[in-house]
Amino acid sequence: YIDQQTIDYLKLTGREPEQVALVEHYAKTTGLWADALVTAEYER
């Protein structure tokens, strides 16, 4: 999942601040952030 570890890594590897902000905002807005996926269900 996309989470704070992802954001920290993007910063560590020198990605542009605007790109890092986009990743966090998009993931949190669309339900792709880890916190929104704790109720995800899998067949297996």
PDB file of all heavy atoms in Angstrom:
ATOM      1  N   TYR A   1       0.832  -1.204   0.000  1.00  0.00           N
ATOM      2  CA  TYR A   1       0.000   0.000   0.000  1.00  0.00           C
ATOM      3  C   TYR A   1       0.871   1.260   0.000  1.00  0.00           C
ATOM      4  O   TYR A   1       2.021   1.237   0.446  1.00  0.00           O
ATOM      5  CB  TYR A   1      -0.897   0.043   1.241  1.00  0.00           C
ATOM      6  CG  TYR A   1      -1.894  -1.083   1.377  1.00  0.00           C
ATOM      7  CD1 TYR A   1      -2.415  -1.411   2.630  1.00  0.00           C
ATOM      8  CD2 TYR A   1      -2.332  -1.810   0.278  1.00  0.00           C
ATOM      9  CE1 TYR A   1      -3.341  -2.429   2.789  1.00  0.00           C
ATOM     10  CE2 TYR A   1      -3.259  -2.830   0.415  1.00  0.00           C
ATOM     11  CZ  TYR A   1      -3.760  -3.149   1.675  1.00  0.00           C
ATOM     12  OH  TYR A   1      -4.677  -4.158   1.822  1.00  0.00           O
ATOM     13  N   ILE A   2       0.302   2.367  -0.482  1.00  0.00           N
ATOM     14  CA  ILE A   2       0.953   3.670  -0.368  1.00  0.00           C
ATOM     15  C   ILE A   2       0.729   4.177   1.051  1.00  0.00           C
ATOM     16  O   ILE A   2      -0.401   4.222   1.540  1.00  0.00           O
ATOM     17  CB  ILE A   2       0.374   4.663  -1.398  1.00  0.00           C
ATOM     18  CG1 ILE A   2       0.618   4.168  -2.827  1.00  0.00           C
ATOM     19  CG2 ILE A   2       0.977   6.053  -1.209  1.00  0.00           C
ATOM     20  CD1 ILE A   2      -0.101   4.976  -3.897  1.00  0.00           C
ATOM     21  N   ASP A   3       1.807   4.563   1.742  1.00  0.00           N
ATOM     22  CA  ASP A   3       1.688   5.068   3.109  1.00  0.00           C
ATOM     23  C   ASP A   3       2.824   6.037   3.388  1.00  0.00           C
ATOM     24  O   ASP A   3       3.505   6.501   2.459  1.00  0.00           O
ATOM     25  CB  ASP A   3       1.663   3.917   4.117  1.00  0.00           C
ATOM     26  CG  ASP A   3       2.950   3.079   4.104  1.00  0.00           C
ATOM     27  OD1 ASP A   3       3.912   3.443   3.394  1.00  0.00           O
ATOM     28  OD2 ASP A   3       2.991   2.035   4.799  1.00  0.00           O
ATOM     29  N   GLN A   4       3.032   6.354   4.655  1.00  0.00           N
ATOM     30  CA  GLN A   4       4.055   7.336   5.004  1.00  0.00           C
ATOM     31  C   GLN A   4       5.453   6.858   4.614  1.00  0.00           C
ATOM     32  O   GLN A   4       6.323   7.669   4.285  1.00  0.00           O
ATOM     33  CB  GLN A   4       4.003   7.639   6.506  1.00  0.00           C
ATOM     34  CG  GLN A   4       4.869   8.816   6.937  1.00  0.00           C
ATOM     35  CD  GLN A   4       4.501  10.103   6.225  1.00  0.00           C
ATOM     36  OE1 GLN A   4       3.332  10.450   6.087  1.00  0.00           O
ATOM     37  NE2 GLN A   4       5.510  10.835   5.753  1.00  0.00           N
ATOM     38  N   GLN A   5       5.685   5.534   4.642  1.00  0.00           N
ATOM     39  CA  GLN A   5       6.981   5.010   4.198  1.00  0.00           C
ATOM     40  C   GLN A   5       7.240   5.380   2.738  1.00  0.00           C
ATOM     41  O   GLN A   5       8.366   5.705   2.356  1.00  0.00           O
ATOM     42  CB  GLN A   5       7.015   3.474   4.356  1.00  0.00           C
ATOM     43  CG  GLN A   5       6.927   2.981   5.796  1.00  0.00           C
ATOM     44  CD  GLN A   5       8.281   2.997   6.508  1.00  0.00           C
ATOM     45  OE1 GLN A   5       9.226   3.605   6.035  1.00  0.00           O
ATOM     46  NE2 GLN A   5       8.360   2.333   7.636  1.00  0.00           N
ATOM     47  N   THR A   6       6.191   5.326   1.923  1.00  0.00           N
ATOM     48  CA  THR A   6       6.310   5.702   0.508  1.00  0.00           C
ATOM     49  C   THR A   6       6.713   7.165   0.389  1.00  0.00           C
ATOM     50  O   THR A   6       7.619   7.518  -0.385  1.00  0.00           O
ATOM     51  CB  THR A   6       4.975   5.467  -0.225  1.00  0.00           C
ATOM     52  OG1 THR A   6       4.412   4.227   0.191  1.00  0.00           O
ATOM     53  CG2 THR A   6       5.172   5.479  -1.725  1.00  0.00           C
ATOM     54  N   ILE A   7       6.036   8.014   1.144  1.00  0.00           N
ATOM     55  CA  ILE A   7       6.308   9.452   1.094  1.00  0.00           C
ATOM     56  C   ILE A   7       7.739   9.734   1.549  1.00  0.00           C
ATOM     57  O   ILE A   7       8.469  10.504   0.913  1.00  0.00           O
ATOM     58  CB  ILE A   7       5.299  10.222   1.965  1.00  0.00           C
ATOM     59  CG1 ILE A   7       3.866   9.970   1.481  1.00  0.00           C
ATOM     60  CG2 ILE A   7       5.606  11.713   1.984  1.00  0.00           C
ATOM     61  CD1 ILE A   7       3.610  10.294   0.023  1.00  0.00           C
ATOM     62  N   ASP A   8       8.148   9.106   2.638  1.00  0.00           N
ATOM     63  CA  ASP A   8       9.513   9.308   3.146  1.00  0.00           C
ATOM     64  C   ASP A   8      10.548   8.887   2.118  1.00  0.00           C
ATOM     65  O   ASP A   8      11.584   9.547   1.945  1.00  0.00           O
ATOM     66  CB  ASP A   8       9.721   8.516   4.440  1.00  0.00           C
ATOM     67  CG  ASP A   8       8.897   9.052   5.597  1.00  0.00           C
ATOM     68  OD1 ASP A   8       8.383  10.183   5.493  1.00  0.00           O
ATOM     69  OD2 ASP A   8       8.746   8.322   6.597  1.00  0.00           O
ATOM     70  N   TYR A   9      10.266   7.777   1.408  1.00  0.00           N
ATOM     71  CA  TYR A   9      11.215   7.285   0.410  1.00  0.00           C
ATOM     72  C   TYR A   9      11.303   8.245  -0.785  1.00  0.00           C
ATOM     73  O   TYR A   9      12.389   8.506  -1.306  1.00  0.00           O
ATOM     74  CB  TYR A   9      10.802   5.893  -0.068  1.00  0.00           C
ATOM     75  CG  TYR A   9      11.773   5.289  -1.062  1.00  0.00           C
ATOM     76  CD1 TYR A   9      12.960   4.707  -0.633  1.00  0.00           C
ATOM     77  CD2 TYR A   9      11.518   5.335  -2.431  1.00  0.00           C
ATOM     78  CE1 TYR A   9      13.869   4.164  -1.537  1.00  0.00           C
ATOM     79  CE2 TYR A   9      12.413   4.785  -3.342  1.00  0.00           C
ATOM     80  CZ  TYR A   9      13.586   4.208  -2.889  1.00  0.00           C
ATOM     81  OH  TYR A   9      14.483   3.683  -3.793  1.00  0.00           O
ATOM     82  N   LEU A  10      10.164   8.776  -1.215  1.00  0.00           N
ATOM     83  CA  LEU A  10      10.175   9.717  -2.336  1.00  0.00           C
ATOM     84  C   LEU A  10      10.984  10.959  -1.979  1.00  0.00           C
ATOM     85  O   LEU A  10      11.720  11.501  -2.819  1.00  0.00           O
ATOM     86  CB  LEU A  10       8.741  10.095  -2.722  1.00  0.00           C
ATOM     87  CG  LEU A  10       7.882   8.960  -3.297  1.00  0.00           C
ATOM     88  CD1 LEU A  10       6.458   9.446  -3.553  1.00  0.00           C
ATOM     89  CD2 LEU A  10       8.484   8.394  -4.581  1.00  0.00           C
ATOM     90  N   LYS A  11      10.867  11.398  -0.740  1.00  0.00           N
ATOM     91  CA  LYS A  11      11.668  12.545  -0.294  1.00  0.00           C
ATOM     92  C   LYS A  11      13.144  12.186  -0.246  1.00  0.00           C
ATOM     93  O   LYS A  11      14.001  12.960  -0.691  1.00  0.00           O
ATOM     94  CB  LYS A  11      11.193  13.011   1.085  1.00  0.00           C
ATOM     95  CG  LYS A  11       9.812  13.645   1.099  1.00  0.00           C
ATOM     96  CD  LYS A  11       9.392  14.011   2.524  1.00  0.00           C
ATOM     97  CE  LYS A  11       8.013  14.646   2.547  1.00  0.00           C
ATOM     98  NZ  LYS A  11       7.560  14.928   3.947  1.00  0.00           N
ATOM     99  N   LEU A  12      13.449  11.001   0.295  1.00  0.00           N
ATOM    100  CA  LEU A  12      14.840  10.557   0.418  1.00  0.00           C
ATOM    101  C   LEU A  12      15.522  10.473  -0.936  1.00  0.00           C
ATOM    102  O   LEU A  12      16.707  10.807  -1.077  1.00  0.00           O
ATOM    103  CB  LEU A  12      14.891   9.187   1.103  1.00  0.00           C
ATOM    104  CG  LEU A  12      16.266   8.534   1.224  1.00  0.00           C
ATOM    105  CD1 LEU A  12      17.156   9.327   2.175  1.00  0.00           C
ATOM    106  CD2 LEU A  12      16.143   7.088   1.682  1.00  0.00           C
ATOM    107  N   THR A  13      14.778  10.016  -1.950  1.00  0.00           N
ATOM    108  CA  THR A  13      15.378   9.821  -3.274  1.00  0.00           C
ATOM    109  C   THR A  13      15.327  11.075  -4.142  1.00  0.00           C
ATOM    110  O   THR A  13      15.596  11.008  -5.339  1.00  0.00           O
ATOM    111  CB  THR A  13      14.701   8.647  -3.999  1.00  0.00           C
ATOM    112  OG1 THR A  13      13.276   8.814  -3.950  1.00  0.00           O
ATOM    113  CG2 THR A  13      15.067   7.322  -3.352  1.00  0.00           C
ATOM    114  N   GLY A  14      14.981  12.209  -3.547  1.00  0.00           N
ATOM    115  CA  GLY A  14      15.111  13.484  -4.248  1.00  0.00           C
ATOM    116  C   GLY A  14      14.005  13.814  -5.219  1.00  0.00           C
ATOM    117  O   GLY A  14      14.184  14.657  -6.095  1.00  0.00           O
ATOM    118  N   ARG A  15      12.844  13.169  -5.074  1.00  0.00           N
ATOM    119  CA  ARG A  15      11.718  13.553  -5.922  1.00  0.00           C
ATOM    120  C   ARG A  15      11.307  14.993  -5.602  1.00  0.00           C
ATOM    121  O   ARG A  15      11.480  15.472  -4.483  1.00  0.00           O
ATOM    122  CB  ARG A  15      10.527  12.622  -5.681  1.00  0.00           C
ATOM    123  CG  ARG A  15      10.334  11.480  -6.650  1.00  0.00           C
ATOM    124  CD  ARG A  15      11.418  10.454  -6.722  1.00  0.00           C
ATOM    125  NE  ARG A  15      10.925   9.235  -7.414  1.00  0.00           N
ATOM    126  CZ  ARG A  15      11.243   8.004  -7.111  1.00  0.00           C
ATOM    127  NH1 ARG A  15      12.102   7.785  -6.134  1.00  0.00           N
ATOM    128  NH2 ARG A  15      10.738   6.979  -7.780  1.00  0.00           N
ATOM    129  N   GLU A  16      10.719  15.668  -6.581  1.00  0.00           N
ATOM    130  CA  GLU A  16      10.311  17.059  -6.392  1.00  0.00           C
ATOM    131  C   GLU A  16       9.214  17.155  -5.332  1.00  0.00           C
ATOM    132  O   GLU A  16       8.312  16.307  -5.283  1.00  0.00           O
ATOM    133  CB  GLU A  16       9.816  17.654  -7.710  1.00  0.00           C
ATOM    134  CG  GLU A  16      10.895  17.805  -8.770  1.00  0.00           C
ATOM    135  CD  GLU A  16      12.025  18.723  -8.320  1.00  0.00           C
ATOM    136  OE1 GLU A  16      11.743  19.746  -7.651  1.00  0.00           O
ATOM    137  OE2 GLU A  16      13.200  18.413  -8.616  1.00  0.00           O
ATOM    138  N   PRO A  17       9.252  18.212  -4.495  1.00  0.00           N
ATOM    139  CA  PRO A  17       8.232  18.357  -3.441  1.00  0.00           C
ATOM    140  C   PRO A  17       6.807  18.343  -3.976  1.00  0.00           C
ATOM    141  O   PRO A  17       5.907  17.792  -3.338  1.00  0.00           O
ATOM    142  CB  PRO A  17       8.581  19.710  -2.811  1.00  0.00           C
ATOM    143  CG  PRO A  17      10.033  19.919  -3.110  1.00  0.00           C
ATOM    144  CD  PRO A  17      10.272  19.267  -4.435  1.00  0.00           C
ATOM    145  N   GLU A  18       6.602  18.946  -5.163  1.00  0.00           N
ATOM    146  CA  GLU A  18       5.254  18.971  -5.746  1.00  0.00           C
ATOM    147  C   GLU A  18       4.774  17.557  -6.077  1.00  0.00           C
ATOM    148  O   GLU A  18       3.592  17.237  -5.908  1.00  0.00           O
ATOM    149  CB  GLU A  18       5.243  19.841  -7.009  1.00  0.00           C
ATOM    150  CG  GLU A  18       5.592  21.293  -6.796  1.00  0.00           C
ATOM    151  CD  GLU A  18       7.091  21.561  -6.715  1.00  0.00           C
ATOM    152  OE1 GLU A  18       7.882  20.606  -6.937  1.00  0.00           O
ATOM    153  OE2 GLU A  18       7.474  22.703  -6.427  1.00  0.00           O
ATOM    154  N   GLN A  19       5.692  16.717  -6.536  1.00  0.00           N
ATOM    155  CA  GLN A  19       5.335  15.345  -6.875  1.00  0.00           C
ATOM    156  C   GLN A  19       5.008  14.550  -5.613  1.00  0.00           C
ATOM    157  O   GLN A  19       4.048  13.773  -5.580  1.00  0.00           O
ATOM    158  CB  GLN A  19       6.472  14.666  -7.649  1.00  0.00           C
ATOM    159  CG  GLN A  19       6.186  13.234  -8.074  1.00  0.00           C
ATOM    160  CD  GLN A  19       5.001  13.132  -9.015  1.00  0.00           C
ATOM    161  OE1 GLN A  19       4.761  14.026  -9.826  1.00  0.00           O
ATOM    162  NE2 GLN A  19       4.242  12.061  -8.907  1.00  0.00           N
ATOM    163  N   VAL A  20       5.803  14.743  -4.582  1.00  0.00           N
ATOM    164  CA  VAL A  20       5.564  14.044  -3.318  1.00  0.00           C
ATOM    165  C   VAL A  20       4.196  14.442  -2.751  1.00  0.00           C
ATOM    166  O   VAL A  20       3.420  13.590  -2.294  1.00  0.00           O
ATOM    167  CB  VAL A  20       6.680  14.357  -2.303  1.00  0.00           C
ATOM    168  CG1 VAL A  20       6.399  13.676  -0.967  1.00  0.00           C
ATOM    169  CG2 VAL A  20       8.044  13.921  -2.842  1.00  0.00           C
ATOM    170  N   ALA A  21       3.884  15.748  -2.816  1.00  0.00           N
ATOM    171  CA  ALA A  21       2.589  16.232  -2.319  1.00  0.00           C
ATOM    172  C   ALA A  21       1.447  15.642  -3.135  1.00  0.00           C
ATOM    173  O   ALA A  21       0.394  15.289  -2.591  1.00  0.00           O
ATOM    174  CB  ALA A  21       2.556  17.753  -2.360  1.00  0.00           C
ATOM    175  N   LEU A  22       1.641  15.527  -4.458  1.00  0.00           N
ATOM    176  CA  LEU A  22       0.608  14.959  -5.323  1.00  0.00           C
ATOM    177  C   LEU A  22       0.326  13.508  -4.947  1.00  0.00           C
ATOM    178  O   LEU A  22      -0.834  13.090  -4.868  1.00  0.00           O
ATOM    179  CB  LEU A  22       1.041  15.047  -6.794  1.00  0.00           C
ATOM    180  CG  LEU A  22       0.154  14.298  -7.802  1.00  0.00           C
ATOM    181  CD1 LEU A  22      -1.250  14.918  -7.833  1.00  0.00           C
ATOM    182  CD2 LEU A  22       0.783  14.290  -9.188  1.00  0.00           C
ATOM    183  N   VAL A  23       1.374  12.735  -4.718  1.00  0.00           N
ATOM    184  CA  VAL A  23       1.208  11.313  -4.378  1.00  0.00           C
ATOM    185  C   VAL A  23       0.385  11.183  -3.102  1.00  0.00           C
ATOM    186  O   VAL A  23      -0.587  10.408  -3.037  1.00  0.00           O
ATOM    187  CB  VAL A  23       2.579  10.618  -4.209  1.00  0.00           C
ATOM    188  CG1 VAL A  23       2.404   9.213  -3.642  1.00  0.00           C
ATOM    189  CG2 VAL A  23       3.311  10.561  -5.545  1.00  0.00           C
ATOM    190  N   GLU A  24       0.737  11.947  -2.083  1.00  0.00           N
ATOM    191  CA  GLU A  24       0.031  11.842  -0.806  1.00  0.00           C
ATOM    192  C   GLU A  24      -1.422  12.293  -0.946  1.00  0.00           C
ATOM    193  O   GLU A  24      -2.347  11.611  -0.472  1.00  0.00           O
ATOM    194  CB  GLU A  24       0.745  12.671   0.261  1.00  0.00           C
ATOM    195  CG  GLU A  24       0.122  12.529   1.635  1.00  0.00           C
ATOM    196  CD  GLU A  24       0.973  13.132   2.746  1.00  0.00           C
ATOM    197  OE1 GLU A  24       2.099  13.604   2.449  1.00  0.00           O
ATOM    198  OE2 GLU A  24       0.513  13.136   3.907  1.00  0.00           O
ATOM    199  N   HIS A  25      -1.632  13.415  -1.618  1.00  0.00           N
ATOM    200  CA  HIS A  25      -2.991  13.953  -1.768  1.00  0.00           C
ATOM    201  C   HIS A  25      -3.860  13.008  -2.595  1.00  0.00           C
ATOM    202  O   HIS A  25      -5.010  12.717  -2.231  1.00  0.00           O
ATOM    203  CB  HIS A  25      -2.940  15.337  -2.423  1.00  0.00           C
ATOM    204  CG  HIS A  25      -4.278  15.958  -2.645  1.00  0.00           C
ATOM    205  ND1 HIS A  25      -5.099  16.342  -1.601  1.00  0.00           N
ATOM    206  CD2 HIS A  25      -4.953  16.247  -3.787  1.00  0.00           C
ATOM    207  CE1 HIS A  25      -6.226  16.835  -2.092  1.00  0.00           C
ATOM    208  NE2 HIS A  25      -6.157  16.792  -3.408  1.00  0.00           N
ATOM    209  N   TYR A  26      -3.317  12.519  -3.693  1.00  0.00           N
ATOM    210  CA  TYR A  26      -4.092  11.637  -4.573  1.00  0.00           C
ATOM    211  C   TYR A  26      -4.469  10.344  -3.844  1.00  0.00           C
ATOM    212  O   TYR A  26      -5.622   9.900  -3.882  1.00  0.00           O
ATOM    213  CB  TYR A  26      -3.289  11.313  -5.835  1.00  0.00           C
ATOM    214  CG  TYR A  26      -4.066  10.509  -6.865  1.00  0.00           C
ATOM    215  CD1 TYR A  26      -4.692  11.152  -7.929  1.00  0.00           C
ATOM    216  CD2 TYR A  26      -4.187   9.126  -6.764  1.00  0.00           C
ATOM    217  CE1 TYR A  26      -5.418  10.432  -8.882  1.00  0.00           C
ATOM    218  CE2 TYR A  26      -4.903   8.395  -7.691  1.00  0.00           C
ATOM    219  CZ  TYR A  26      -5.512   9.050  -8.748  1.00  0.00           C
ATOM    220  OH  TYR A  26      -6.233   8.328  -9.670  1.00  0.00           O
ATOM    221  N   ALA A  27      -3.489   9.735  -3.178  1.00  0.00           N
ATOM    222  CA  ALA A  27      -3.745   8.460  -2.502  1.00  0.00           C
ATOM    223  C   ALA A  27      -4.789   8.628  -1.397  1.00  0.00           C
ATOM    224  O   ALA A  27      -5.680   7.786  -1.240  1.00  0.00           O
ATOM    225  CB  ALA A  27      -2.446   7.896  -1.939  1.00  0.00           C
ATOM    226  N   LYS A  28      -4.689   9.707  -0.634  1.00  0.00           N
ATOM    227  CA  LYS A  28      -5.648   9.926   0.460  1.00  0.00           C
ATOM    228  C   LYS A  28      -7.033  10.273  -0.068  1.00  0.00           C
ATOM    229  O   LYS A  28      -8.048   9.911   0.531  1.00  0.00           O
ATOM    230  CB  LYS A  28      -5.123  11.026   1.388  1.00  0.00           C
ATOM    231  CG  LYS A  28      -3.939  10.577   2.244  1.00  0.00           C
ATOM    232  CD  LYS A  28      -3.449  11.675   3.182  1.00  0.00           C
ATOM    233  CE  LYS A  28      -2.356  11.150   4.117  1.00  0.00           C
ATOM    234  NZ  LYS A  28      -1.830  12.199   5.012  1.00  0.00           N
ATOM    235  N   THR A  29      -7.089  10.966  -1.212  1.00  0.00           N
ATOM    236  CA  THR A  29      -8.371  11.393  -1.770  1.00  0.00           C
ATOM    237  C   THR A  29      -9.115  10.236  -2.431  1.00  0.00           C
ATOM    238  O   THR A  29     -10.346  10.144  -2.348  1.00  0.00           O
ATOM    239  CB  THR A  29      -8.156  12.527  -2.800  1.00  0.00           C
ATOM    240  OG1 THR A  29      -7.492  13.616  -2.161  1.00  0.00           O
ATOM    241  CG2 THR A  29      -9.484  13.020  -3.374  1.00  0.00           C
ATOM    242  N   THR A  30      -8.374   9.334  -3.062  1.00  0.00           N
ATOM    243  CA  THR A  30      -9.013   8.277  -3.856  1.00  0.00           C
ATOM    244  C   THR A  30      -9.155   6.948  -3.123  1.00  0.00           C
ATOM    245  O   THR A  30      -9.664   5.982  -3.691  1.00  0.00           O
ATOM    246  CB  THR A  30      -8.212   8.040  -5.151  1.00  0.00           C
ATOM    247  OG1 THR A  30      -6.885   7.630  -4.797  1.00  0.00           O
ATOM    248  CG2 THR A  30      -8.149   9.297  -6.002  1.00  0.00           C
ATOM    249  N   GLY A  31      -8.682   6.879  -1.892  1.00  0.00           N
ATOM    250  CA  GLY A  31      -8.799   5.631  -1.145  1.00  0.00           C
ATOM    251  C   GLY A  31      -7.662   4.659  -1.361  1.00  0.00           C
ATOM    252  O   GLY A  31      -7.774   3.480  -1.019  1.00  0.00           O
ATOM    253  N   LEU A  32      -6.564   5.136  -1.922  1.00  0.00           N
ATOM    254  CA  LEU A  32      -5.396   4.271  -2.133  1.00  0.00           C
ATOM    255  C   LEU A  32      -4.389   4.366  -0.987  1.00  0.00           C
ATOM    256  O   LEU A  32      -3.367   3.683  -1.001  1.00  0.00           O
ATOM    257  CB  LEU A  32      -4.695   4.618  -3.457  1.00  0.00           C
ATOM    258  CG  LEU A  32      -5.465   4.264  -4.727  1.00  0.00           C
ATOM    259  CD1 LEU A  32      -4.680   4.702  -5.962  1.00  0.00           C
ATOM    260  CD2 LEU A  32      -5.745   2.767  -4.791  1.00  0.00           C
ATOM    261  N   TRP A  33      -4.637   5.232  -0.015  1.00  0.00           N
ATOM    262  CA  TRP A  33      -3.752   5.350   1.148  1.00  0.00           C
ATOM    263  C   TRP A  33      -3.989   4.161   2.063  1.00  0.00           C
ATOM    264  O   TRP A  33      -5.105   3.665   2.183  1.00  0.00           O
ATOM    265  CB  TRP A  33      -4.039   6.661   1.863  1.00  0.00           C
ATOM    266  CG  TRP A  33      -3.053   7.034   2.931  1.00  0.00           C
ATOM    267  CD1 TRP A  33      -3.212   6.905   4.276  1.00  0.00           C
ATOM    268  CD2 TRP A  33      -1.760   7.611   2.742  1.00  0.00           C
ATOM    269  NE1 TRP A  33      -2.107   7.354   4.948  1.00  0.00           N
ATOM    270  CE2 TRP A  33      -1.183   7.800   4.027  1.00  0.00           C
ATOM    271  CE3 TRP A  33      -1.017   7.984   1.616  1.00  0.00           C
ATOM    272  CZ2 TRP A  33       0.088   8.346   4.209  1.00  0.00           C
ATOM    273  CZ3 TRP A  33       0.248   8.526   1.810  1.00  0.00           C
ATOM    274  CH2 TRP A  33       0.784   8.702   3.082  1.00  0.00           C
ATOM    275  N   ALA A  34      -2.955   3.700   2.723  1.00  0.00           N
ATOM    276  CA  ALA A  34      -3.028   2.473   3.525  1.00  0.00           C
ATOM    277  C   ALA A  34      -4.164   2.503   4.544  1.00  0.00           C
ATOM    278  O   ALA A  34      -4.851   1.499   4.747  1.00  0.00           O
ATOM    279  CB  ALA A  34      -1.685   2.240   4.224  1.00  0.00           C
ATOM    280  N   ASP A  35      -4.383   3.645   5.194  1.00  0.00           N
ATOM    281  CA  ASP A  35      -5.410   3.728   6.230  1.00  0.00           C
ATOM    282  C   ASP A  35      -6.795   3.410   5.687  1.00  0.00           C
ATOM    283  O   ASP A  35      -7.658   2.886   6.406  1.00  0.00           O
ATOM    284  CB  ASP A  35      -5.428   5.120   6.864  1.00  0.00           C
ATOM    285  CG  ASP A  35      -4.163   5.401   7.665  1.00  0.00           C
ATOM    286  OD1 ASP A  35      -3.386   4.453   7.895  1.00  0.00           O
ATOM    287  OD2 ASP A  35      -3.948   6.569   8.052  1.00  0.00           O
ATOM    288  N   ALA A  36      -7.027   3.737   4.406  1.00  0.00           N
ATOM    289  CA  ALA A  36      -8.341   3.501   3.803  1.00  0.00           C
ATOM    290  C   ALA A  36      -8.520   2.052   3.373  1.00  0.00           C
ATOM    291  O   ALA A  36      -9.623   1.648   3.007  1.00  0.00           O
ATOM    292  CB  ALA A  36      -8.534   4.430   2.596  1.00  0.00           C
ATOM    293  N   LEU A  37      -7.432   1.282   3.419  1.00  0.00           N
ATOM    294  CA  LEU A  37      -7.486  -0.088   2.907  1.00  0.00           C
ATOM    295  C   LEU A  37      -7.481  -1.135   4.023  1.00  0.00           C
ATOM    296  O   LEU A  37      -7.387  -2.329   3.747  1.00  0.00           O
ATOM    297  CB  LEU A  37      -6.307  -0.328   1.961  1.00  0.00           C
ATOM    298  CG  LEU A  37      -6.371   0.472   0.641  1.00  0.00           C
ATOM    299  CD1 LEU A  37      -5.028   0.442  -0.073  1.00  0.00           C
ATOM    300  CD2 LEU A  37      -7.457  -0.054  -0.266  1.00  0.00           C
ATOM    301  N   VAL A  38      -7.584  -0.694   5.261  1.00  0.00           N
ATOM    302  CA  VAL A  38      -7.559  -1.662   6.366  1.00  0.00           C
ATOM    303  C   VAL A  38      -8.786  -2.578   6.337  1.00  0.00           C
ATOM    304  O   VAL A  38      -8.761  -3.677   6.900  1.00  0.00           O
ATOM    305  CB  VAL A  38      -7.466  -0.954   7.740  1.00  0.00           C
ATOM    306  CG1 VAL A  38      -6.121  -0.283   7.912  1.00  0.00           C
ATOM    307  CG2 VAL A  38      -8.599   0.055   7.917  1.00  0.00           C
ATOM    308  N   THR A  39      -9.846  -2.147   5.668  1.00  0.00           N
ATOM    309  CA  THR A  39     -11.051  -2.982   5.574  1.00  0.00           C
ATOM    310  C   THR A  39     -11.119  -3.745   4.249  1.00  0.00           C
ATOM    311  O   THR A  39     -12.132  -4.372   3.950  1.00  0.00           O
ATOM    312  CB  THR A  39     -12.309  -2.116   5.716  1.00  0.00           C
ATOM    313  OG1 THR A  39     -12.293  -1.087   4.704  1.00  0.00           O
ATOM    314  CG2 THR A  39     -12.376  -1.460   7.090  1.00  0.00           C
ATOM    315  N   ALA A  40     -10.037  -3.686   3.464  1.00  0.00           N
ATOM    316  CA  ALA A  40     -10.023  -4.406   2.178  1.00  0.00           C
ATOM    317  C   ALA A  40     -10.234  -5.894   2.412  1.00  0.00           C
ATOM    318  O   ALA A  40      -9.690  -6.474   3.363  1.00  0.00           O
ATOM    319  CB  ALA A  40      -8.701  -4.172   1.451  1.00  0.00           C
ATOM    320  N   GLU A  41     -11.037  -6.510   1.557  1.00  0.00           N
ATOM    321  CA  GLU A  41     -11.330  -7.934   1.691  1.00  0.00           C
ATOM    322  C   GLU A  41     -10.732  -8.699   0.522  1.00  0.00           C
ATOM    323  O   GLU A  41     -10.773  -8.235  -0.616  1.00  0.00           O
ATOM    324  CB  GLU A  41     -12.843  -8.161   1.749  1.00  0.00           C
ATOM    325  CG  GLU A  41     -13.501  -7.537   2.975  1.00  0.00           C
ATOM    326  CD  GLU A  41     -15.003  -7.788   3.015  1.00  0.00           C
ATOM    327  OE1 GLU A  41     -15.519  -8.489   2.108  1.00  0.00           O
ATOM    328  OE2 GLU A  41     -15.659  -7.285   3.946  1.00  0.00           O
ATOM    329  N   TYR A  42     -10.198  -9.875   0.811  1.00  0.00           N
ATOM    330  CA  TYR A  42      -9.594 -10.730  -0.204  1.00  0.00           C
ATOM    331  C   TYR A  42     -10.276 -12.096  -0.158  1.00  0.00           C
ATOM    332  O   TYR A  42     -10.628 -12.581   0.923  1.00  0.00           O
ATOM    333  CB  TYR A  42      -8.094 -10.902   0.050  1.00  0.00           C
ATOM    334  CG  TYR A  42      -7.308  -9.613   0.038  1.00  0.00           C
ATOM    335  CD1 TYR A  42      -7.105  -8.887   1.222  1.00  0.00           C
ATOM    336  CD2 TYR A  42      -6.763  -9.114  -1.137  1.00  0.00           C
ATOM    337  CE1 TYR A  42      -6.387  -7.704   1.220  1.00  0.00           C
ATOM    338  CE2 TYR A  42      -6.036  -7.935  -1.151  1.00  0.00           C
ATOM    339  CZ  TYR A  42      -5.856  -7.230   0.028  1.00  0.00           C
ATOM    340  OH  TYR A  42      -5.145  -6.060   0.029  1.00  0.00           O
ATOM    341  N   GLU A  43     -10.445 -12.692  -1.317  1.00  0.00           N
ATOM    342  CA  GLU A  43     -11.016 -14.038  -1.341  1.00  0.00           C
ATOM    343  C   GLU A  43     -10.118 -15.030  -0.611  1.00  0.00           C
ATOM    344  O   GLU A  43     -10.582 -15.999  -0.019  1.00  0.00           O
ATOM    345  CB  GLU A  43     -11.216 -14.512  -2.789  1.00  0.00           C
ATOM    346  CG  GLU A  43     -12.387 -13.862  -3.487  1.00  0.00           C
ATOM    347  CD  GLU A  43     -12.679 -14.514  -4.821  1.00  0.00           C
ATOM    348  OE1 GLU A  43     -12.126 -15.607  -5.091  1.00  0.00           O
ATOM    349  OE2 GLU A  43     -13.449 -13.939  -5.603  1.00  0.00           O
ATOM    350  N   ARG A  44      -8.823 -14.770  -0.661  1.00  0.00           N
ATOM    351  CA  ARG A  44      -7.864 -15.663  -0.025  1.00  0.00           C
ATOM    352  C   ARG A  44      -6.856 -14.827   0.751  1.00  0.00           C
ATOM    353  O   ARG A  44      -6.280 -13.880   0.201  1.00  0.00           O
ATOM    354  CB  ARG A  44      -7.155 -16.503  -1.089  1.00  0.00           C
ATOM    355  CG  ARG A  44      -6.204 -17.556  -0.538  1.00  0.00           C
ATOM    356  CD  ARG A  44      -5.517 -18.282  -1.685  1.00  0.00           C
ATOM    357  NE  ARG A  44      -4.552 -19.249  -1.199  1.00  0.00           N
ATOM    358  CZ  ARG A  44      -3.503 -19.672  -1.914  1.00  0.00           C
ATOM    359  NH1 ARG A  44      -3.323 -19.239  -3.157  1.00  0.00           N
ATOM    360  NH2 ARG A  44      -2.665 -20.562  -1.411  1.00  0.00           N
TER     361      ARG A  44
END
